[in-house]
Amino acid sequence: MSELFEWSDGYSVGVQEIDEQHKELVGLLNQLHSAIREHHGSEASRRILDELADYTRTHFMVEESLMRVSNYPEFENHKHNHEELIAQVQALQEKLDSGQAAITFELLHFLKVWLTRHINEADKHFGDFFTQHGGAAEWSPQVEQTMKKKKWWWKFW
């Protein structure tokens, strides 16, 4: 069976650091999809959802940091969109904890649609701004080699 979200270069925002993080988010979303589809149980699904939520928060911090250092004019609006998603996920986690909700395919669909729209609209707009204003689109060869060698950085992003 196919993945929920298949990454393609069409989702690239033109900033390697952000693209690599988006790929991680897509991978976690696909892991959650597999866990639900293969009936791994609510505990396994919840663990992946929590990992996805934590990584999303870290990704948003990195993205917002790049926006601040580049004086991105849409920073406040973009940050607000991030905060809204985090609030929705936190509310969902609270409902899961109290037994008022379950991790479902509808949740996966919501997350996929949100991520797709956010990448294709807001993040691509920022990527264009960032590179046009002197931001590096790609890692240096040395950084590339280090980052691809081992995903030690995953916990820090």
C-alpha atoms as a PDB file:
ATOM      1  CA  MET A   1       0.000   0.000   0.000  1.00  0.00           C
ATOM      2  CA  SER A   2       1.264   3.499  -0.795  1.00  0.00           C
ATOM      3  CA  GLU A   3       2.295   6.126   1.671  1.00  0.00           C
ATOM      4  CA  LEU A   4      -0.044   8.863   2.821  1.00  0.00           C
ATOM      5  CA  PHE A   5       2.312  11.602   1.676  1.00  0.00           C
ATOM      6  CA  GLU A   6       4.941  11.055  -0.989  1.00  0.00           C
ATOM      7  CA  TRP A   7       7.630  13.714  -1.024  1.00  0.00           C
ATOM      8  CA  SER A   8       8.575  15.190  -4.372  1.00  0.00           C
ATOM      9  CA  ASP A   9      10.779  18.072  -5.410  1.00  0.00           C
ATOM     10  CA  GLY A  10       7.591  19.997  -6.096  1.00  0.00           C
ATOM     11  CA  TYR A  11       7.324  20.536  -2.331  1.00  0.00           C
ATOM     12  CA  SER A  12      10.790  22.076  -2.107  1.00  0.00           C
ATOM     13  CA  VAL A  13      10.860  25.617  -0.746  1.00  0.00           C
ATOM     14  CA  GLY A  14      14.393  26.181  -2.037  1.00  0.00           C
ATOM     15  CA  VAL A  15      16.099  26.208   1.369  1.00  0.00           C
ATOM     16  CA  GLN A  16      17.800  22.897   2.071  1.00  0.00           C
ATOM     17  CA  GLU A  17      17.520  23.105   5.855  1.00  0.00           C
ATOM     18  CA  ILE A  18      13.770  23.629   5.681  1.00  0.00           C
ATOM     19  CA  ASP A  19      13.310  21.011   2.953  1.00  0.00           C
ATOM     20  CA  GLU A  20      15.200  18.400   4.986  1.00  0.00           C
ATOM     21  CA  GLN A  21      13.021  19.127   7.994  1.00  0.00           C
ATOM     22  CA  HIS A  22       9.864  18.929   5.888  1.00  0.00           C
ATOM     23  CA  LYS A  23      11.009  15.502   4.679  1.00  0.00           C
ATOM     24  CA  GLU A  24      11.328  14.402   8.318  1.00  0.00           C
ATOM     25  CA  LEU A  25       7.801  15.660   9.021  1.00  0.00           C
ATOM     26  CA  VAL A  26       6.485  13.778   6.001  1.00  0.00           C
ATOM     27  CA  GLY A  27       8.299  10.646   7.196  1.00  0.00           C
ATOM     28  CA  LEU A  28       6.742  10.892  10.648  1.00  0.00           C
ATOM     29  CA  LEU A  29       3.303  11.465   9.140  1.00  0.00           C
ATOM     30  CA  ASN A  30       3.804   8.346   7.019  1.00  0.00           C
ATOM     31  CA  GLN A  31       4.908   6.373  10.100  1.00  0.00           C
ATOM     32  CA  LEU A  32       1.709   7.409  11.867  1.00  0.00           C
ATOM     33  CA  HIS A  33      -0.303   6.388   8.813  1.00  0.00           C
ATOM     34  CA  SER A  34       1.373   2.960   8.783  1.00  0.00           C
ATOM     35  CA  ALA A  35       0.790   2.475  12.500  1.00  0.00           C
ATOM     36  CA  ILE A  36      -2.934   3.160  12.109  1.00  0.00           C
ATOM     37  CA  ARG A  37      -3.292   1.179   8.883  1.00  0.00           C
ATOM     38  CA  GLU A  38      -1.453  -1.823  10.324  1.00  0.00           C
ATOM     39  CA  HIS A  39      -3.327  -1.682  13.664  1.00  0.00           C
ATOM     40  CA  HIS A  40      -0.223  -1.206  15.814  1.00  0.00           C
ATOM     41  CA  GLY A  41      -2.400   0.078  18.635  1.00  0.00           C
ATOM     42  CA  SER A  42      -3.177   3.413  20.186  1.00  0.00           C
ATOM     43  CA  GLU A  43      -0.007   3.494  22.298  1.00  0.00           C
ATOM     44  CA  ALA A  44       2.260   3.171  19.251  1.00  0.00           C
ATOM     45  CA  SER A  45       0.201   5.704  17.311  1.00  0.00           C
ATOM     46  CA  ARG A  46       0.262   8.138  20.222  1.00  0.00           C
ATOM     47  CA  ARG A  47       4.046   7.817  20.543  1.00  0.00           C
ATOM     48  CA  ILE A  48       4.485   8.681  16.859  1.00  0.00           C
ATOM     49  CA  LEU A  49       1.986  11.559  17.106  1.00  0.00           C
ATOM     50  CA  ASP A  50       3.898  12.945  20.089  1.00  0.00           C
ATOM     51  CA  GLU A  51       7.167  12.631  18.172  1.00  0.00           C
ATOM     52  CA  LEU A  52       5.570  14.391  15.203  1.00  0.00           C
ATOM     53  CA  ALA A  53       4.289  17.187  17.463  1.00  0.00           C
ATOM     54  CA  ASP A  54       7.693  17.632  19.141  1.00  0.00           C
ATOM     55  CA  TYR A  55       9.540  17.683  15.831  1.00  0.00           C
ATOM     56  CA  THR A  56       7.011  20.148  14.407  1.00  0.00           C
ATOM     57  CA  ARG A  57       7.639  22.537  17.314  1.00  0.00           C
ATOM     58  CA  THR A  58      11.387  22.310  16.755  1.00  0.00           C
ATOM     59  CA  HIS A  59      10.972  22.816  13.007  1.00  0.00           C
ATOM     60  CA  PHE A  60       8.830  25.884  13.600  1.00  0.00           C
ATOM     61  CA  MET A  61      11.497  27.357  15.903  1.00  0.00           C
ATOM     62  CA  VAL A  62      14.184  26.880  13.248  1.00  0.00           C
ATOM     63  CA  GLU A  63      11.991  28.307  10.509  1.00  0.00           C
ATOM     64  CA  GLU A  64      11.017  31.302  12.642  1.00  0.00           C
ATOM     65  CA  SER A  65      14.664  31.903  13.525  1.00  0.00           C
ATOM     66  CA  LEU A  66      15.538  32.075   9.827  1.00  0.00           C
ATOM     67  CA  MET A  67      12.642  34.481   9.349  1.00  0.00           C
ATOM     68  CA  ARG A  68      13.847  36.762  12.121  1.00  0.00           C
ATOM     69  CA  VAL A  69      17.463  36.930  10.912  1.00  0.00           C
ATOM     70  CA  SER A  70      16.311  37.681   7.368  1.00  0.00           C
ATOM     71  CA  ASN A  71      13.768  40.310   8.518  1.00  0.00           C
ATOM     72  CA  TYR A  72      10.936  38.478   6.791  1.00  0.00           C
ATOM     73  CA  PRO A  73       8.010  40.925   6.519  1.00  0.00           C
ATOM     74  CA  GLU A  74       5.370  38.171   6.901  1.00  0.00           C
ATOM     75  CA  PHE A  75       6.990  36.784  10.063  1.00  0.00           C
ATOM     76  CA  GLU A  76       4.140  37.589  12.483  1.00  0.00           C
ATOM     77  CA  ASN A  77       1.457  36.052  10.268  1.00  0.00           C
ATOM     78  CA  HIS A  78       3.559  32.953   9.597  1.00  0.00           C
ATOM     79  CA  LYS A  79       4.337  32.552  13.298  1.00  0.00           C
ATOM     80  CA  HIS A  80       0.626  32.903  14.076  1.00  0.00           C
ATOM     81  CA  ASN A  81      -0.150  30.029  11.672  1.00  0.00           C
ATOM     82  CA  HIS A  82       2.439  27.901  13.447  1.00  0.00           C
ATOM     83  CA  GLU A  83       0.954  28.761  16.843  1.00  0.00           C
ATOM     84  CA  GLU A  84      -2.558  27.839  15.673  1.00  0.00           C
ATOM     85  CA  LEU A  85      -1.439  24.387  14.554  1.00  0.00           C
ATOM     86  CA  ILE A  86       0.478  23.794  17.799  1.00  0.00           C
ATOM     87  CA  ALA A  87      -2.622  24.798  19.794  1.00  0.00           C
ATOM     88  CA  GLN A  88      -4.797  22.416  17.753  1.00  0.00           C
ATOM     89  CA  VAL A  89      -2.365  19.542  18.272  1.00  0.00           C
ATOM     90  CA  GLN A  90      -2.125  20.269  22.010  1.00  0.00           C
ATOM     91  CA  ALA A  91      -5.920  20.271  22.268  1.00  0.00           C
ATOM     92  CA  LEU A  92      -6.000  16.946  20.426  1.00  0.00           C
ATOM     93  CA  GLN A  93      -3.363  15.477  22.761  1.00  0.00           C
ATOM     94  CA  GLU A  94      -5.452  16.550  25.754  1.00  0.00           C
ATOM     95  CA  LYS A  95      -8.541  14.897  24.229  1.00  0.00           C
ATOM     96  CA  LEU A  96      -6.532  11.735  23.588  1.00  0.00           C
ATOM     97  CA  ASP A  97      -5.350  11.738  27.207  1.00  0.00           C
ATOM     98  CA  SER A  98      -8.919  12.066  28.493  1.00  0.00           C
ATOM     99  CA  GLY A  99     -10.319   9.449  26.106  1.00  0.00           C
ATOM    100  CA  GLN A 100     -12.444  11.992  24.223  1.00  0.00           C
ATOM    101  CA  ALA A 101     -10.668  11.422  20.898  1.00  0.00           C
ATOM    102  CA  ALA A 102      -8.791   8.792  18.933  1.00  0.00           C
ATOM    103  CA  ILE A 103      -6.066   8.975  16.324  1.00  0.00           C
ATOM    104  CA  THR A 104      -7.884   8.430  13.054  1.00  0.00           C
ATOM    105  CA  PHE A 105      -7.449   8.680   9.320  1.00  0.00           C
ATOM    106  CA  GLU A 106      -9.366  11.975   9.513  1.00  0.00           C
ATOM    107  CA  LEU A 107      -6.613  13.359  11.743  1.00  0.00           C
ATOM    108  CA  LEU A 108      -3.998  12.183   9.259  1.00  0.00           C
ATOM    109  CA  HIS A 109      -5.890  13.831   6.426  1.00  0.00           C
ATOM    110  CA  PHE A 110      -6.071  17.102   8.383  1.00  0.00           C
ATOM    111  CA  LEU A 111      -2.312  17.027   9.093  1.00  0.00           C
ATOM    112  CA  LYS A 112      -1.445  16.187   5.491  1.00  0.00           C
ATOM    113  CA  VAL A 113      -3.659  18.941   4.093  1.00  0.00           C
ATOM    114  CA  TRP A 114      -2.307  21.476   6.593  1.00  0.00           C
ATOM    115  CA  LEU A 115       1.312  20.584   5.851  1.00  0.00           C
ATOM    116  CA  THR A 116       0.785  20.552   2.082  1.00  0.00           C
ATOM    117  CA  ARG A 117      -0.938  23.927   2.077  1.00  0.00           C
ATOM    118  CA  HIS A 118       1.544  25.458   4.483  1.00  0.00           C
ATOM    119  CA  ILE A 119       4.529  24.296   2.427  1.00  0.00           C
ATOM    120  CA  ASN A 120       3.032  25.254  -0.936  1.00  0.00           C
ATOM    121  CA  GLU A 121       1.811  28.654   0.170  1.00  0.00           C
ATOM    122  CA  ALA A 122       3.532  30.169   3.194  1.00  0.00           C
ATOM    123  CA  ASP A 123       6.836  28.279   3.238  1.00  0.00           C
ATOM    124  CA  LYS A 124       7.531  28.623  -0.484  1.00  0.00           C
ATOM    125  CA  HIS A 125       6.867  32.339  -0.196  1.00  0.00           C
ATOM    126  CA  PHE A 126       9.409  32.542   2.626  1.00  0.00           C
ATOM    127  CA  GLY A 127      11.913  30.372   0.744  1.00  0.00           C
ATOM    128  CA  ASP A 128      11.813  32.776  -2.191  1.00  0.00           C
ATOM    129  CA  PHE A 129      12.268  35.760   0.110  1.00  0.00           C
ATOM    130  CA  PHE A 130      15.089  34.096   2.046  1.00  0.00           C
ATOM    131  CA  THR A 131      17.189  33.225  -0.996  1.00  0.00           C
ATOM    132  CA  GLN A 132      16.510  36.561  -2.715  1.00  0.00           C
ATOM    133  CA  HIS A 133      17.784  38.352   0.388  1.00  0.00           C
ATOM    134  CA  GLY A 134      21.080  36.534   0.694  1.00  0.00           C
ATOM    135  CA  GLY A 135      20.123  33.365   2.562  1.00  0.00           C
ATOM    136  CA  ALA A 136      21.952  30.217   1.560  1.00  0.00           C
ATOM    137  CA  ALA A 137      19.747  27.848  -0.410  1.00  0.00           C
ATOM    138  CA  GLU A 138      22.000  24.844   0.130  1.00  0.00           C
ATOM    139  CA  TRP A 139      24.398  23.556   2.742  1.00  0.00           C
ATOM    140  CA  SER A 140      28.109  23.735   2.051  1.00  0.00           C
ATOM    141  CA  PRO A 141      29.638  20.390   0.963  1.00  0.00           C
ATOM    142  CA  GLN A 142      31.130  19.934   4.445  1.00  0.00           C
ATOM    143  CA  VAL A 143      27.817  20.544   6.198  1.00  0.00           C
ATOM    144  CA  GLU A 144      26.043  18.310   3.677  1.00  0.00           C
ATOM    145  CA  GLN A 145      28.466  15.462   4.364  1.00  0.00           C
ATOM    146  CA  THR A 146      28.082  15.788   8.130  1.00  0.00           C
ATOM    147  CA  MET A 147      24.303  16.143   8.084  1.00  0.00           C
ATOM    148  CA  LYS A 148      23.779  13.171   5.772  1.00  0.00           C
ATOM    149  CA  LYS A 149      26.246  10.930   7.589  1.00  0.00           C
ATOM    150  CA  LYS A 150      24.332  10.636  10.821  1.00  0.00           C
ATOM    151  CA  LYS A 151      21.084  12.073  12.002  1.00  0.00           C
ATOM    152  CA  TRP A 152      22.503  13.197  15.346  1.00  0.00           C
ATOM    153  CA  TRP A 153      21.075  16.624  14.600  1.00  0.00           C
ATOM    154  CA  TRP A 154      17.499  15.361  14.525  1.00  0.00           C
ATOM    155  CA  LYS A 155      17.042  15.871  18.261  1.00  0.00           C
ATOM    156  CA  PHE A 156      18.413  19.412  18.047  1.00  0.00           C
ATOM    157  CA  TRP A 157      16.252  20.621  15.198  1.00  0.00           C
END
